[in-house]
Amino acid sequence: MDTTTVNKFRERLKSFVEQVVSHHSPLRVTRRSGADFVVMSAEDWERDQETLYVLQNTSLMRQIAESSTTNRAGKGYTPTEGQMDEILSI
């Protein structure tokens, strides 16, 4: 994660925002007399929130683990060709 001071952030706001959005890389902004803060794109924030939701949902994590075990054992569900066409929007 890149870091800058609040003064540099203020001076180059537009370029920093473009960097954060286009590179999907958060930016830490440091302040002399207070807590640092992080700037990130809304898309990245939403993705992180979805990830946190999944990781905190024990039932969903259990289903994912069971599915992974089943898949590794070669006993997973195999969709029909028609179902695959529908999934892939063919």
N, C-alpha and C. Protein backbone atom coordinates (compact mmCIF):
# COMPACT_ATOMS: atom_id res chain seq x y z
N MET A 1 0.85 -1.17 0.00
CA MET A 1 0.00 0.00 0.00
C MET A 1 0.90 1.23 0.00
N ASP A 2 0.63 2.13 -0.93
CA ASP A 2 1.38 3.38 -0.98
C ASP A 2 0.95 4.29 0.17
N THR A 3 1.84 5.19 0.55
CA THR A 3 1.58 6.12 1.65
C THR A 3 1.95 7.52 1.21
N THR A 4 1.17 8.50 1.66
CA THR A 4 1.48 9.90 1.41
C THR A 4 1.04 10.71 2.62
N THR A 5 1.49 11.95 2.67
CA THR A 5 1.07 12.84 3.75
C THR A 5 -0.24 13.51 3.35
N VAL A 6 -0.92 14.03 4.33
CA VAL A 6 -2.20 14.70 4.06
C VAL A 6 -1.97 15.95 3.20
N ASN A 7 -0.84 16.63 3.39
CA ASN A 7 -0.56 17.82 2.58
C ASN A 7 -0.36 17.45 1.11
N LYS A 8 0.43 16.40 0.85
CA LYS A 8 0.63 15.95 -0.54
C LYS A 8 -0.68 15.44 -1.13
N PHE A 9 -1.48 14.76 -0.31
CA PHE A 9 -2.77 14.26 -0.77
C PHE A 9 -3.65 15.41 -1.21
N ARG A 10 -3.68 16.47 -0.41
CA ARG A 10 -4.49 17.64 -0.73
C ARG A 10 -4.01 18.29 -2.03
N GLU A 11 -2.69 18.40 -2.20
CA GLU A 11 -2.13 19.05 -3.38
C GLU A 11 -2.38 18.26 -4.67
N ARG A 12 -2.34 16.93 -4.56
CA ARG A 12 -2.45 16.07 -5.74
C ARG A 12 -3.69 15.18 -5.69
N LEU A 13 -4.76 15.69 -5.15
CA LEU A 13 -5.98 14.91 -4.94
C LEU A 13 -6.43 14.16 -6.19
N LYS A 14 -6.54 14.86 -7.30
CA LYS A 14 -7.05 14.24 -8.52
C LYS A 14 -6.16 13.08 -8.97
N SER A 15 -4.85 13.26 -8.97
CA SER A 15 -3.96 12.18 -9.43
C SER A 15 -3.98 11.00 -8.46
N PHE A 16 -4.07 11.27 -7.16
CA PHE A 16 -4.15 10.18 -6.20
C PHE A 16 -5.43 9.38 -6.36
N VAL A 17 -6.55 10.08 -6.58
CA VAL A 17 -7.83 9.40 -6.78
C VAL A 17 -7.77 8.54 -8.03
N GLU A 18 -7.22 9.08 -9.11
CA GLU A 18 -7.10 8.31 -10.35
C GLU A 18 -6.25 7.05 -10.13
N GLN A 19 -5.17 7.18 -9.37
CA GLN A 19 -4.29 6.06 -9.08
C GLN A 19 -5.03 4.98 -8.28
N VAL A 20 -5.76 5.40 -7.26
CA VAL A 20 -6.50 4.47 -6.41
C VAL A 20 -7.54 3.72 -7.22
N VAL A 21 -8.27 4.42 -8.05
CA VAL A 21 -9.35 3.81 -8.83
C VAL A 21 -8.81 2.92 -9.95
N SER A 22 -7.82 3.40 -10.68
CA SER A 22 -7.35 2.64 -11.84
C SER A 22 -6.48 1.44 -11.46
N HIS A 23 -5.71 1.54 -10.38
CA HIS A 23 -4.83 0.44 -9.98
C HIS A 23 -5.43 -0.46 -8.91
N HIS A 24 -6.61 -0.11 -8.43
CA HIS A 24 -7.26 -0.89 -7.35
C HIS A 24 -6.30 -1.08 -6.18
N SER A 25 -5.61 -0.01 -5.83
CA SER A 25 -4.64 -0.04 -4.76
C SER A 25 -4.98 1.04 -3.75
N PRO A 26 -5.27 0.66 -2.50
CA PRO A 26 -5.60 1.68 -1.50
C PRO A 26 -4.40 2.58 -1.20
N LEU A 27 -4.68 3.76 -0.69
CA LEU A 27 -3.65 4.74 -0.36
C LEU A 27 -3.79 5.13 1.10
N ARG A 28 -2.70 4.99 1.85
CA ARG A 28 -2.69 5.41 3.26
C ARG A 28 -2.25 6.87 3.31
N VAL A 29 -3.02 7.68 4.01
CA VAL A 29 -2.71 9.10 4.16
C VAL A 29 -2.38 9.34 5.62
N THR A 30 -1.16 9.85 5.85
CA THR A 30 -0.70 10.06 7.23
C THR A 30 -0.92 11.52 7.63
N ARG A 31 -1.21 11.68 8.93
CA ARG A 31 -1.38 13.02 9.48
C ARG A 31 -0.44 13.18 10.67
N ARG A 32 0.12 14.35 10.83
CA ARG A 32 1.05 14.58 11.93
C ARG A 32 0.37 14.50 13.28
N SER A 33 -0.82 15.03 13.38
CA SER A 33 -1.46 15.15 14.70
C SER A 33 -2.72 14.30 14.84
N GLY A 34 -2.78 13.19 14.14
CA GLY A 34 -3.98 12.37 14.25
C GLY A 34 -3.80 11.03 13.60
N ALA A 35 -4.88 10.30 13.60
CA ALA A 35 -4.85 8.95 13.03
C ALA A 35 -4.76 9.02 11.50
N ASP A 36 -4.06 8.05 10.93
CA ASP A 36 -3.99 7.93 9.48
C ASP A 36 -5.36 7.51 8.95
N PHE A 37 -5.56 7.68 7.65
CA PHE A 37 -6.77 7.17 7.01
C PHE A 37 -6.41 6.56 5.68
N VAL A 38 -7.32 5.75 5.15
CA VAL A 38 -7.08 5.03 3.91
C VAL A 38 -8.12 5.45 2.88
N VAL A 39 -7.66 5.66 1.65
CA VAL A 39 -8.54 6.00 0.54
C VAL A 39 -8.55 4.79 -0.39
N MET A 40 -9.76 4.33 -0.74
CA MET A 40 -9.88 3.21 -1.66
C MET A 40 -11.11 3.42 -2.54
N SER A 41 -11.14 2.74 -3.68
CA SER A 41 -12.28 2.90 -4.58
C SER A 41 -13.52 2.26 -3.98
N ALA A 42 -14.67 2.75 -4.37
CA ALA A 42 -15.93 2.18 -3.89
C ALA A 42 -16.06 0.73 -4.32
N GLU A 43 -15.61 0.41 -5.54
CA GLU A 43 -15.68 -0.96 -6.04
C GLU A 43 -14.86 -1.90 -5.15
N ASP A 44 -13.66 -1.48 -4.79
CA ASP A 44 -12.81 -2.30 -3.92
C ASP A 44 -13.41 -2.44 -2.53
N TRP A 45 -13.98 -1.35 -2.01
CA TRP A 45 -14.60 -1.39 -0.69
C TRP A 45 -15.77 -2.37 -0.67
N GLU A 46 -16.61 -2.31 -1.71
CA GLU A 46 -17.75 -3.23 -1.79
C GLU A 46 -17.28 -4.68 -1.88
N ARG A 47 -16.23 -4.93 -2.68
CA ARG A 47 -15.67 -6.28 -2.80
C ARG A 47 -15.16 -6.76 -1.44
N ASP A 48 -14.48 -5.90 -0.73
CA ASP A 48 -13.97 -6.28 0.59
C ASP A 48 -15.10 -6.56 1.57
N GLN A 49 -16.17 -5.78 1.49
CA GLN A 49 -17.32 -6.00 2.37
C GLN A 49 -17.97 -7.36 2.08
N GLU A 50 -18.08 -7.71 0.80
CA GLU A 50 -18.65 -9.01 0.43
C GLU A 50 -17.77 -10.14 0.95
N THR A 51 -16.45 -9.98 0.82
CA THR A 51 -15.52 -10.99 1.32
C THR A 51 -15.66 -11.15 2.83
N LEU A 52 -15.72 -10.05 3.55
CA LEU A 52 -15.89 -10.11 5.00
C LEU A 52 -17.19 -10.80 5.38
N TYR A 53 -18.26 -10.52 4.63
CA TYR A 53 -19.54 -11.17 4.90
C TYR A 53 -19.42 -12.68 4.78
N VAL A 54 -18.79 -13.13 3.70
CA VAL A 54 -18.63 -14.57 3.48
C VAL A 54 -17.78 -15.18 4.59
N LEU A 55 -16.67 -14.55 4.92
CA LEU A 55 -15.76 -15.09 5.92
C LEU A 55 -16.39 -15.14 7.32
N GLN A 56 -17.31 -14.22 7.60
CA GLN A 56 -17.95 -14.19 8.91
C GLN A 56 -19.18 -15.08 8.99
N ASN A 57 -19.64 -15.60 7.86
CA ASN A 57 -20.83 -16.44 7.82
C ASN A 57 -20.39 -17.90 7.97
N THR A 58 -20.49 -18.44 9.19
CA THR A 58 -19.98 -19.79 9.45
C THR A 58 -20.72 -20.85 8.63
N SER A 59 -22.00 -20.67 8.43
CA SER A 59 -22.77 -21.64 7.64
C SER A 59 -22.28 -21.67 6.19
N LEU A 60 -22.06 -20.50 5.63
CA LEU A 60 -21.58 -20.42 4.25
C LEU A 60 -20.17 -20.97 4.13
N MET A 61 -19.30 -20.67 5.09
CA MET A 61 -17.94 -21.20 5.07
C MET A 61 -17.94 -22.73 5.18
N ARG A 62 -18.85 -23.27 5.97
CA ARG A 62 -18.98 -24.73 6.11
C ARG A 62 -19.40 -25.34 4.77
N GLN A 63 -20.37 -24.70 4.09
CA GLN A 63 -20.82 -25.19 2.78
C GLN A 63 -19.70 -25.16 1.76
N ILE A 64 -18.90 -24.10 1.79
CA ILE A 64 -17.77 -23.99 0.86
C ILE A 64 -16.75 -25.09 1.14
N ALA A 65 -16.45 -25.34 2.41
CA ALA A 65 -15.49 -26.39 2.77
C ALA A 65 -15.99 -27.77 2.35
N GLU A 66 -17.28 -28.04 2.59
CA GLU A 66 -17.85 -29.33 2.19
C GLU A 66 -17.83 -29.49 0.67
N SER A 67 -18.14 -28.43 -0.03
CA SER A 67 -18.14 -28.47 -1.49
C SER A 67 -16.73 -28.71 -2.02
N SER A 68 -15.76 -28.08 -1.41
CA SER A 68 -14.36 -28.27 -1.82
C SER A 68 -13.92 -29.71 -1.60
N THR A 69 -14.30 -30.28 -0.46
CA THR A 69 -13.95 -31.67 -0.16
C THR A 69 -14.61 -32.61 -1.16
N THR A 70 -15.87 -32.38 -1.44
CA THR A 70 -16.60 -33.20 -2.40
C THR A 70 -15.96 -33.11 -3.78
N ASN A 71 -15.59 -31.89 -4.17
CA ASN A 71 -14.97 -31.69 -5.49
C ASN A 71 -13.63 -32.40 -5.59
N ARG A 72 -12.81 -32.30 -4.56
CA ARG A 72 -11.50 -32.97 -4.57
C ARG A 72 -11.65 -34.49 -4.67
N ALA A 73 -12.72 -35.01 -4.07
CA ALA A 73 -12.96 -36.46 -4.11
C ALA A 73 -13.58 -36.89 -5.44
N GLY A 74 -13.87 -35.96 -6.31
CA GLY A 74 -14.46 -36.29 -7.60
C GLY A 74 -15.92 -36.68 -7.51
N LYS A 75 -16.59 -36.26 -6.43
CA LYS A 75 -17.98 -36.62 -6.23
C LYS A 75 -18.90 -35.41 -6.33
N GLY A 76 -18.39 -34.33 -6.89
CA GLY A 76 -19.19 -33.12 -6.99
C GLY A 76 -20.27 -33.22 -8.03
N TYR A 77 -21.18 -32.28 -7.99
CA TYR A 77 -22.28 -32.21 -8.95
C TYR A 77 -21.74 -31.78 -10.31
N THR A 78 -22.17 -32.45 -11.36
CA THR A 78 -21.80 -32.09 -12.71
C THR A 78 -23.05 -31.66 -13.46
N PRO A 79 -23.11 -30.38 -13.85
CA PRO A 79 -24.30 -29.91 -14.56
C PRO A 79 -24.38 -30.52 -15.96
N THR A 80 -25.60 -30.58 -16.46
CA THR A 80 -25.81 -31.09 -17.82
C THR A 80 -25.31 -30.05 -18.82
N GLU A 81 -25.21 -30.46 -20.07
CA GLU A 81 -24.76 -29.54 -21.10
C GLU A 81 -25.70 -28.36 -21.23
N GLY A 82 -27.00 -28.62 -21.13
CA GLY A 82 -27.99 -27.55 -21.19
C GLY A 82 -27.85 -26.57 -20.03
N GLN A 83 -27.58 -27.10 -18.84
CA GLN A 83 -27.38 -26.24 -17.68
C GLN A 83 -26.12 -25.39 -17.85
N MET A 84 -25.06 -26.00 -18.40
CA MET A 84 -23.84 -25.25 -18.63
C MET A 84 -24.06 -24.14 -19.65
N ASP A 85 -24.82 -24.42 -20.69
CA ASP A 85 -25.16 -23.39 -21.69
C ASP A 85 -25.89 -22.24 -21.02
N GLU A 86 -26.82 -22.57 -20.14
CA GLU A 86 -27.59 -21.53 -19.44
C GLU A 86 -26.69 -20.73 -18.51
N ILE A 87 -25.80 -21.42 -17.79
CA ILE A 87 -24.88 -20.73 -16.88
C ILE A 87 -23.97 -19.79 -17.67
N LEU A 88 -23.49 -20.25 -18.80
CA LEU A 88 -22.57 -19.46 -19.61
C LEU A 88 -23.28 -18.53 -20.58
N SER A 89 -24.61 -18.52 -20.54
CA SER A 89 -25.45 -17.68 -21.40
C SER A 89 -25.18 -17.90 -22.88
N ILE A 90 -25.10 -19.17 -23.25
CA ILE A 90 -24.88 -19.50 -24.66
C ILE A 90 -26.22 -19.75 -25.32
